[in-house]
């Protein structure tokens, strides 16, 4: 299903997007060496409830996971990259943490992810990987607008990732979003320009470049959810929800308090 939102629903999407971004901003600020992943999940649950919003994750049970997910945020550490199930792990100095959050408010969902390093130790390779996903995300957003095609966005993202030397996995990527979290069209992190669905004003997309340091192969953790790099290498993931407008693309998942 591909949804095109009317102006009233787009306004709700902006509220949802700001909420997602504000929660992620707050969680990043609270997360330090010694923070437990389950503590982060509790914080997310509390902030979602206080905002009168609903989690898109807690009851989520797709075919690729051992559902329902049962938690409020994805927490992926080091070699984990996607769908990280919160568990009893205490963060240490130098850990690379990805927080991925989707909530629905007013009947419209928004989705975003950030990767950052915990503590004072900042491995240069990890910093570069995070920055690459952020640049790729910016390139995908810059390519978006009415009349552009999904392949244009995918090509822009993939060009940045490949230039930095990363292999690209196409099993999971960006997606449409609206009244539900995951919708068509699929937005791979590589593609051919001029191909695929033509973007229209009112379409929401979640773009999410992610990479693994030296592989494109994923393995599923014993928890049935967390996806890790097959080689045990580090990973990074950046994501925004955008709205296609008459003039281009608007990022919805920017925090008010940043």
C-alpha atoms as a PDB file:
ATOM      1  CA  UNK A   1       0.000   0.000   0.000  1.00  0.00           C
ATOM      2  CA  UNK A   2       1.210   3.505  -0.898  1.00  0.00           C
ATOM      3  CA  UNK A   3      -0.501   6.358   0.963  1.00  0.00           C
ATOM      4  CA  UNK A   4      -0.638   9.974  -0.134  1.00  0.00           C
ATOM      5  CA  UNK A   5      -1.424  12.172   2.870  1.00  0.00           C
ATOM      6  CA  UNK A   6      -3.694  15.210   2.789  1.00  0.00           C
ATOM      7  CA  UNK A   7      -2.613  18.473   4.499  1.00  0.00           C
ATOM      8  CA  UNK A   8      -4.331  17.609   7.783  1.00  0.00           C
ATOM      9  CA  UNK A   9      -2.541  14.280   8.018  1.00  0.00           C
ATOM     10  CA  UNK A  10       0.754  15.869   7.016  1.00  0.00           C
ATOM     11  CA  UNK A  11       0.426  18.202   9.990  1.00  0.00           C
ATOM     12  CA  UNK A  12      -0.008  15.183  12.255  1.00  0.00           C
ATOM     13  CA  UNK A  13       3.012  13.550  10.614  1.00  0.00           C
ATOM     14  CA  UNK A  14       5.094  16.592  11.566  1.00  0.00           C
ATOM     15  CA  UNK A  15       4.000  16.201  15.194  1.00  0.00           C
ATOM     16  CA  UNK A  16       4.926  12.519  15.158  1.00  0.00           C
ATOM     17  CA  UNK A  17       8.258  13.248  13.521  1.00  0.00           C
ATOM     18  CA  UNK A  18       9.187  15.927  16.031  1.00  0.00           C
ATOM     19  CA  UNK A  19       8.267  13.612  18.888  1.00  0.00           C
ATOM     20  CA  UNK A  20      10.470  10.801  17.534  1.00  0.00           C
ATOM     21  CA  UNK A  21      13.367  13.203  17.080  1.00  0.00           C
ATOM     22  CA  UNK A  22      12.956  14.756  20.527  1.00  0.00           C
ATOM     23  CA  UNK A  23      12.894  11.346  22.205  1.00  0.00           C
ATOM     24  CA  UNK A  24      16.019  10.229  20.364  1.00  0.00           C
ATOM     25  CA  UNK A  25      17.755  13.504  21.234  1.00  0.00           C
ATOM     26  CA  UNK A  26      16.874  13.067  24.909  1.00  0.00           C
ATOM     27  CA  UNK A  27      17.923   9.422  24.972  1.00  0.00           C
ATOM     28  CA  UNK A  28      21.283  10.195  23.388  1.00  0.00           C
ATOM     29  CA  UNK A  29      21.900  12.853  26.028  1.00  0.00           C
ATOM     30  CA  UNK A  30      21.049  10.466  28.867  1.00  0.00           C
ATOM     31  CA  UNK A  31      23.031   7.512  27.558  1.00  0.00           C
ATOM     32  CA  UNK A  32      26.481   7.194  29.125  1.00  0.00           C
ATOM     33  CA  UNK A  33      28.972   4.529  30.095  1.00  0.00           C
ATOM     34  CA  UNK A  34      27.083   2.310  32.552  1.00  0.00           C
ATOM     35  CA  UNK A  35      23.644   2.782  30.983  1.00  0.00           C
ATOM     36  CA  UNK A  36      21.757  -0.471  30.478  1.00  0.00           C
ATOM     37  CA  UNK A  37      19.820  -1.097  27.243  1.00  0.00           C
ATOM     38  CA  UNK A  38      16.717  -2.029  29.222  1.00  0.00           C
ATOM     39  CA  UNK A  39      16.920   1.337  30.970  1.00  0.00           C
ATOM     40  CA  UNK A  40      16.867   3.070  27.584  1.00  0.00           C
ATOM     41  CA  UNK A  41      13.789   1.032  26.664  1.00  0.00           C
ATOM     42  CA  UNK A  42      12.043   2.102  29.891  1.00  0.00           C
ATOM     43  CA  UNK A  43      12.848   5.745  29.226  1.00  0.00           C
ATOM     44  CA  UNK A  44      11.409   5.452  25.698  1.00  0.00           C
ATOM     45  CA  UNK A  45       8.240   3.782  26.975  1.00  0.00           C
ATOM     46  CA  UNK A  46       7.688   6.567  29.504  1.00  0.00           C
ATOM     47  CA  UNK A  47       8.227   9.402  27.019  1.00  0.00           C
ATOM     48  CA  UNK A  48       5.947   7.813  24.414  1.00  0.00           C
ATOM     49  CA  UNK A  49       3.165   7.423  26.977  1.00  0.00           C
ATOM     50  CA  UNK A  50       3.586  10.957  28.343  1.00  0.00           C
ATOM     51  CA  UNK A  51       3.217  12.340  24.803  1.00  0.00           C
ATOM     52  CA  UNK A  52      -0.050  10.461  24.257  1.00  0.00           C
ATOM     53  CA  UNK A  53       1.534   8.484  21.433  1.00  0.00           C
ATOM     54  CA  UNK A  54       1.703   4.771  20.615  1.00  0.00           C
ATOM     55  CA  UNK A  55       4.697   2.545  20.034  1.00  0.00           C
ATOM     56  CA  UNK A  56       5.009   1.059  16.553  1.00  0.00           C
ATOM     57  CA  UNK A  57       7.242  -1.705  17.922  1.00  0.00           C
ATOM     58  CA  UNK A  58       5.831  -3.255  21.069  1.00  0.00           C
ATOM     59  CA  UNK A  59       3.166  -5.370  19.312  1.00  0.00           C
ATOM     60  CA  UNK A  60       4.979  -5.582  15.966  1.00  0.00           C
ATOM     61  CA  UNK A  61       5.177  -9.153  14.643  1.00  0.00           C
ATOM     62  CA  UNK A  62       6.374  -9.285  11.001  1.00  0.00           C
ATOM     63  CA  UNK A  63       7.452 -12.414   9.174  1.00  0.00           C
ATOM     64  CA  UNK A  64      11.156 -11.621   9.587  1.00  0.00           C
ATOM     65  CA  UNK A  65      11.081 -11.434  13.402  1.00  0.00           C
ATOM     66  CA  UNK A  66      10.187 -13.716  16.285  1.00  0.00           C
ATOM     67  CA  UNK A  67       7.336 -11.481  17.307  1.00  0.00           C
ATOM     68  CA  UNK A  68       5.826  -9.633  18.919  1.00  0.00           C
ATOM     69  CA  UNK A  69       8.863  -7.383  19.451  1.00  0.00           C
ATOM     70  CA  UNK A  70       7.772  -6.553  22.994  1.00  0.00           C
ATOM     71  CA  UNK A  71       9.899  -3.411  23.469  1.00  0.00           C
ATOM     72  CA  UNK A  72       9.631   0.284  22.629  1.00  0.00           C
ATOM     73  CA  UNK A  73      12.920   1.042  20.863  1.00  0.00           C
ATOM     74  CA  UNK A  74      15.569  -0.835  18.898  1.00  0.00           C
ATOM     75  CA  UNK A  75      18.990  -0.785  20.578  1.00  0.00           C
ATOM     76  CA  UNK A  76      21.810  -2.128  18.393  1.00  0.00           C
ATOM     77  CA  UNK A  77      25.364  -2.257  19.784  1.00  0.00           C
ATOM     78  CA  UNK A  78      28.591  -2.640  17.793  1.00  0.00           C
ATOM     79  CA  UNK A  79      28.069  -5.604  15.407  1.00  0.00           C
ATOM     80  CA  UNK A  80      24.260  -5.333  15.668  1.00  0.00           C
ATOM     81  CA  UNK A  81      22.755  -3.064  13.025  1.00  0.00           C
ATOM     82  CA  UNK A  82      18.985  -3.549  12.697  1.00  0.00           C
ATOM     83  CA  UNK A  83      16.053  -4.561  14.910  1.00  0.00           C
ATOM     84  CA  UNK A  84      18.230  -4.653  18.009  1.00  0.00           C
ATOM     85  CA  UNK A  85      16.132  -6.174  20.799  1.00  0.00           C
ATOM     86  CA  UNK A  86      16.821  -4.419  24.131  1.00  0.00           C
ATOM     87  CA  UNK A  87      18.398  -6.803  26.620  1.00  0.00           C
ATOM     88  CA  UNK A  88      20.407  -6.788  29.838  1.00  0.00           C
ATOM     89  CA  UNK A  89      23.611  -5.200  28.551  1.00  0.00           C
ATOM     90  CA  UNK A  90      25.493  -2.337  30.204  1.00  0.00           C
ATOM     91  CA  UNK A  91      27.246   0.015  27.788  1.00  0.00           C
ATOM     92  CA  UNK A  92      31.012   0.470  28.032  1.00  0.00           C
ATOM     93  CA  UNK A  93      33.349   3.190  26.819  1.00  0.00           C
ATOM     94  CA  UNK A  94      33.677   3.148  23.022  1.00  0.00           C
ATOM     95  CA  UNK A  95      30.522   1.152  22.257  1.00  0.00           C
ATOM     96  CA  UNK A  96      28.811   2.123  19.003  1.00  0.00           C
ATOM     97  CA  UNK A  97      25.087   2.357  19.716  1.00  0.00           C
ATOM     98  CA  UNK A  98      22.216   2.736  17.279  1.00  0.00           C
ATOM     99  CA  UNK A  99      18.794   3.811  18.534  1.00  0.00           C
ATOM    100  CA  UNK A 100      15.900   3.275  16.115  1.00  0.00           C
ATOM    101  CA  UNK A 101      12.453   4.559  17.103  1.00  0.00           C
ATOM    102  CA  UNK A 102       9.032   4.671  15.464  1.00  0.00           C
ATOM    103  CA  UNK A 103       5.884   6.044  17.070  1.00  0.00           C
ATOM    104  CA  UNK A 104       2.387   6.925  15.936  1.00  0.00           C
ATOM    105  CA  UNK A 105       0.518  10.002  17.115  1.00  0.00           C
ATOM    106  CA  UNK A 106      -2.797  11.185  15.738  1.00  0.00           C
ATOM    107  CA  UNK A 107      -2.916   8.135  13.499  1.00  0.00           C
ATOM    108  CA  UNK A 108       0.322   8.872  11.607  1.00  0.00           C
ATOM    109  CA  UNK A 109       3.700   7.229  12.205  1.00  0.00           C
ATOM    110  CA  UNK A 110       7.251   8.547  11.989  1.00  0.00           C
ATOM    111  CA  UNK A 111      10.540   6.638  12.098  1.00  0.00           C
ATOM    112  CA  UNK A 112      14.163   7.690  12.678  1.00  0.00           C
ATOM    113  CA  UNK A 113      17.498   6.243  13.776  1.00  0.00           C
ATOM    114  CA  UNK A 114      20.782   7.641  15.077  1.00  0.00           C
ATOM    115  CA  UNK A 115      24.172   6.028  15.663  1.00  0.00           C
ATOM    116  CA  UNK A 116      26.700   7.408  18.138  1.00  0.00           C
ATOM    117  CA  UNK A 117      29.642   6.358  20.262  1.00  0.00           C
ATOM    118  CA  UNK A 118      29.243   6.051  24.015  1.00  0.00           C
ATOM    119  CA  UNK A 119      31.881   7.557  26.288  1.00  0.00           C
ATOM    120  CA  UNK A 120      35.167   9.249  25.454  1.00  0.00           C
ATOM    121  CA  UNK A 121      36.864   6.647  23.266  1.00  0.00           C
ATOM    122  CA  UNK A 122      36.092   7.385  19.627  1.00  0.00           C
ATOM    123  CA  UNK A 123      37.527   4.795  17.211  1.00  0.00           C
ATOM    124  CA  UNK A 124      38.222   6.657  13.934  1.00  0.00           C
ATOM    125  CA  UNK A 125      36.780   3.865  11.779  1.00  0.00           C
ATOM    126  CA  UNK A 126      33.522   3.952  13.731  1.00  0.00           C
ATOM    127  CA  UNK A 127      33.291   7.740  13.509  1.00  0.00           C
ATOM    128  CA  UNK A 128      33.863   7.589   9.744  1.00  0.00           C
ATOM    129  CA  UNK A 129      31.216   4.899   9.307  1.00  0.00           C
ATOM    130  CA  UNK A 130      28.584   6.891  11.202  1.00  0.00           C
ATOM    131  CA  UNK A 131      29.429  10.033   9.219  1.00  0.00           C
ATOM    132  CA  UNK A 132      29.149   8.096   5.956  1.00  0.00           C
ATOM    133  CA  UNK A 133      25.610   6.948   6.732  1.00  0.00           C
ATOM    134  CA  UNK A 134      24.691  10.541   7.626  1.00  0.00           C
ATOM    135  CA  UNK A 135      26.112  11.835   4.323  1.00  0.00           C
ATOM    136  CA  UNK A 136      24.306   9.112   2.410  1.00  0.00           C
ATOM    137  CA  UNK A 137      21.049  10.037   4.141  1.00  0.00           C
ATOM    138  CA  UNK A 138      21.539  13.696   3.221  1.00  0.00           C
ATOM    139  CA  UNK A 139      22.205  12.709  -0.399  1.00  0.00           C
ATOM    140  CA  UNK A 140      19.036  10.631  -0.556  1.00  0.00           C
ATOM    141  CA  UNK A 141      16.981  13.485   0.852  1.00  0.00           C
ATOM    142  CA  UNK A 142      18.534  15.950  -1.604  1.00  0.00           C
ATOM    143  CA  UNK A 143      17.497  13.689  -4.488  1.00  0.00           C
ATOM    144  CA  UNK A 144      13.874  13.529  -3.312  1.00  0.00           C
ATOM    145  CA  UNK A 145      11.098  15.700  -4.706  1.00  0.00           C
ATOM    146  CA  UNK A 146       7.970  15.552  -6.853  1.00  0.00           C
ATOM    147  CA  UNK A 147       8.696  13.737 -10.097  1.00  0.00           C
ATOM    148  CA  UNK A 148      11.832  12.035  -8.816  1.00  0.00           C
ATOM    149  CA  UNK A 149      11.823   8.263  -8.770  1.00  0.00           C
ATOM    150  CA  UNK A 150      12.768   5.840  -6.016  1.00  0.00           C
ATOM    151  CA  UNK A 151      15.808   4.810  -8.037  1.00  0.00           C
ATOM    152  CA  UNK A 152      17.107   8.388  -7.905  1.00  0.00           C
ATOM    153  CA  UNK A 153      17.129   8.319  -4.102  1.00  0.00           C
ATOM    154  CA  UNK A 154      18.610   4.826  -3.964  1.00  0.00           C
ATOM    155  CA  UNK A 155      21.335   5.763  -6.432  1.00  0.00           C
ATOM    156  CA  UNK A 156      22.260   8.881  -4.451  1.00  0.00           C
ATOM    157  CA  UNK A 157      22.491   6.885  -1.214  1.00  0.00           C
ATOM    158  CA  UNK A 158      24.439   4.032  -2.783  1.00  0.00           C
ATOM    159  CA  UNK A 159      26.915   6.350  -4.486  1.00  0.00           C
ATOM    160  CA  UNK A 160      27.990   7.789  -1.123  1.00  0.00           C
ATOM    161  CA  UNK A 161      28.222   4.380   0.557  1.00  0.00           C
ATOM    162  CA  UNK A 162      30.225   2.799  -2.265  1.00  0.00           C
ATOM    163  CA  UNK A 163      32.584   5.752  -2.595  1.00  0.00           C
ATOM    164  CA  UNK A 164      33.454   5.275   1.080  1.00  0.00           C
ATOM    165  CA  UNK A 165      34.257   1.624   0.405  1.00  0.00           C
ATOM    166  CA  UNK A 166      31.261  -0.101   1.978  1.00  0.00           C
ATOM    167  CA  UNK A 167      29.396  -3.102   0.628  1.00  0.00           C
ATOM    168  CA  UNK A 168      25.608  -2.658   0.414  1.00  0.00           C
ATOM    169  CA  UNK A 169      22.958  -5.084   1.607  1.00  0.00           C
ATOM    170  CA  UNK A 170      19.581  -4.710  -0.141  1.00  0.00           C
ATOM    171  CA  UNK A 171      17.502  -7.040   2.066  1.00  0.00           C
ATOM    172  CA  UNK A 172      16.449  -4.113   4.266  1.00  0.00           C
ATOM    173  CA  UNK A 173      16.219  -0.431   3.399  1.00  0.00           C
ATOM    174  CA  UNK A 174      13.938   2.552   3.492  1.00  0.00           C
ATOM    175  CA  UNK A 175      10.178   2.412   3.078  1.00  0.00           C
ATOM    176  CA  UNK A 176       6.955   4.273   2.774  1.00  0.00           C
ATOM    177  CA  UNK A 177       5.275   5.274   6.021  1.00  0.00           C
ATOM    178  CA  UNK A 178       1.929   6.761   7.033  1.00  0.00           C
ATOM    179  CA  UNK A 179      -0.929   5.264   8.988  1.00  0.00           C
ATOM    180  CA  UNK A 180       1.346   2.253   9.525  1.00  0.00           C
ATOM    181  CA  UNK A 181       5.088   2.062  10.031  1.00  0.00           C
ATOM    182  CA  UNK A 182       6.133  -0.070   7.051  1.00  0.00           C
ATOM    183  CA  UNK A 183       4.518   0.546   3.676  1.00  0.00           C
ATOM    184  CA  UNK A 184       5.425   0.518   0.006  1.00  0.00           C
ATOM    185  CA  UNK A 185       7.456   1.690  -1.754  1.00  0.00           C
ATOM    186  CA  UNK A 186      10.655  -0.073  -0.677  1.00  0.00           C
ATOM    187  CA  UNK A 187      13.706   2.219  -0.918  1.00  0.00           C
ATOM    188  CA  UNK A 188      16.879   0.132  -1.351  1.00  0.00           C
ATOM    189  CA  UNK A 189      20.214   1.670  -0.385  1.00  0.00           C
ATOM    190  CA  UNK A 190      21.447   1.306  -3.940  1.00  0.00           C
ATOM    191  CA  UNK A 191      19.676   1.524  -7.266  1.00  0.00           C
ATOM    192  CA  UNK A 192      19.500   2.874 -10.793  1.00  0.00           C
ATOM    193  CA  UNK A 193      18.386   6.461 -11.410  1.00  0.00           C
ATOM    194  CA  UNK A 194      15.182   7.013 -13.311  1.00  0.00           C
ATOM    195  CA  UNK A 195      13.663   3.719 -12.159  1.00  0.00           C
ATOM    196  CA  UNK A 196      10.831   2.892  -9.800  1.00  0.00           C
ATOM    197  CA  UNK A 197       7.834   4.684  -8.321  1.00  0.00           C
ATOM    198  CA  UNK A 198       7.484   8.379  -9.136  1.00  0.00           C
ATOM    199  CA  UNK A 199       7.269  10.541  -6.007  1.00  0.00           C
ATOM    200  CA  UNK A 200       4.204  12.711  -5.386  1.00  0.00           C
ATOM    201  CA  UNK A 201       3.505  15.505  -2.867  1.00  0.00           C
ATOM    202  CA  UNK A 202       1.995  14.016   0.283  1.00  0.00           C
ATOM    203  CA  UNK A 203       4.116  10.848   0.202  1.00  0.00           C
ATOM    204  CA  UNK A 204       6.072  10.028   3.355  1.00  0.00           C
ATOM    205  CA  UNK A 205       9.298   8.046   3.132  1.00  0.00           C
ATOM    206  CA  UNK A 206      11.659   6.753   5.788  1.00  0.00           C
ATOM    207  CA  UNK A 207      15.159   6.718   4.293  1.00  0.00           C
ATOM    208  CA  UNK A 208      17.705   4.645   6.205  1.00  0.00           C
ATOM    209  CA  UNK A 209      21.222   4.012   4.936  1.00  0.00           C
ATOM    210  CA  UNK A 210      23.050   1.433   7.034  1.00  0.00           C
ATOM    211  CA  UNK A 211      26.369  -0.304   6.558  1.00  0.00           C
ATOM    212  CA  UNK A 212      28.662  -2.900   8.061  1.00  0.00           C
ATOM    213  CA  UNK A 213      32.409  -2.295   8.107  1.00  0.00           C
ATOM    214  CA  UNK A 214      33.564  -5.217   5.972  1.00  0.00           C
ATOM    215  CA  UNK A 215      30.596  -7.309   4.844  1.00  0.00           C
ATOM    216  CA  UNK A 216      27.122  -7.145   3.314  1.00  0.00           C
ATOM    217  CA  UNK A 217      25.953 -10.352   4.982  1.00  0.00           C
ATOM    218  CA  UNK A 218      23.597 -10.393   7.962  1.00  0.00           C
ATOM    219  CA  UNK A 219      22.993 -13.068  10.572  1.00  0.00           C
ATOM    220  CA  UNK A 220      20.030 -13.242  12.944  1.00  0.00           C
ATOM    221  CA  UNK A 221      20.763 -13.322  16.658  1.00  0.00           C
ATOM    222  CA  UNK A 222      19.429 -16.058  18.930  1.00  0.00           C
ATOM    223  CA  UNK A 223      16.749 -13.614  20.141  1.00  0.00           C
ATOM    224  CA  UNK A 224      15.047 -13.968  16.750  1.00  0.00           C
ATOM    225  CA  UNK A 225      15.153 -10.215  16.065  1.00  0.00           C
ATOM    226  CA  UNK A 226      18.585  -8.602  16.224  1.00  0.00           C
ATOM    227  CA  UNK A 227      20.434  -8.550  12.907  1.00  0.00           C
ATOM    228  CA  UNK A 228      24.239  -8.588  13.157  1.00  0.00           C
ATOM    229  CA  UNK A 229      27.142  -8.432  10.743  1.00  0.00           C
ATOM    230  CA  UNK A 230      28.191 -11.925   9.688  1.00  0.00           C
ATOM    231  CA  UNK A 231      31.852 -11.144  10.412  1.00  0.00           C
ATOM    232  CA  UNK A 232      31.309  -9.491  13.799  1.00  0.00           C
ATOM    233  CA  UNK A 233      32.405  -6.110  12.443  1.00  0.00           C
ATOM    234  CA  UNK A 234      30.909  -2.821  13.594  1.00  0.00           C
ATOM    235  CA  UNK A 235      27.892  -1.233  11.930  1.00  0.00           C
ATOM    236  CA  UNK A 236      26.096   2.120  11.648  1.00  0.00           C
ATOM    237  CA  UNK A 237      22.599   3.290  10.701  1.00  0.00           C
ATOM    238  CA  UNK A 238      21.013   6.716  10.119  1.00  0.00           C
ATOM    239  CA  UNK A 239      17.359   7.395   9.313  1.00  0.00           C
ATOM    240  CA  UNK A 240      14.920  10.258   8.787  1.00  0.00           C
ATOM    241  CA  UNK A 241      11.259  10.398   7.820  1.00  0.00           C
ATOM    242  CA  UNK A 242      10.655  12.912   5.036  1.00  0.00           C
ATOM    243  CA  UNK A 243       7.554  14.326   3.349  1.00  0.00           C
ATOM    244  CA  UNK A 244       7.524  14.967  -0.366  1.00  0.00           C
ATOM    245  CA  UNK A 245       6.324  18.523  -0.960  1.00  0.00           C
ATOM    246  CA  UNK A 246       5.665  20.662  -4.033  1.00  0.00           C
ATOM    247  CA  UNK A 247       9.157  22.118  -3.613  1.00  0.00           C
ATOM    248  CA  UNK A 248      11.215  19.064  -2.691  1.00  0.00           C
ATOM    249  CA  UNK A 249      11.439  17.149   0.570  1.00  0.00           C
ATOM    250  CA  UNK A 250      10.884  18.200   4.187  1.00  0.00           C
ATOM    251  CA  UNK A 251      12.622  16.357   7.021  1.00  0.00           C
ATOM    252  CA  UNK A 252      10.001  15.581   9.662  1.00  0.00           C
ATOM    253  CA  UNK A 253      12.247  13.936  12.268  1.00  0.00           C
ATOM    254  CA  UNK A 254      14.221  16.962  13.474  1.00  0.00           C
ATOM    255  CA  UNK A 255      14.161  17.732  17.220  1.00  0.00           C
ATOM    256  CA  UNK A 256      12.726  20.981  18.552  1.00  0.00           C
ATOM    257  CA  UNK A 257      15.280  21.051  21.343  1.00  0.00           C
ATOM    258  CA  UNK A 258      18.495  20.481  19.356  1.00  0.00           C
END
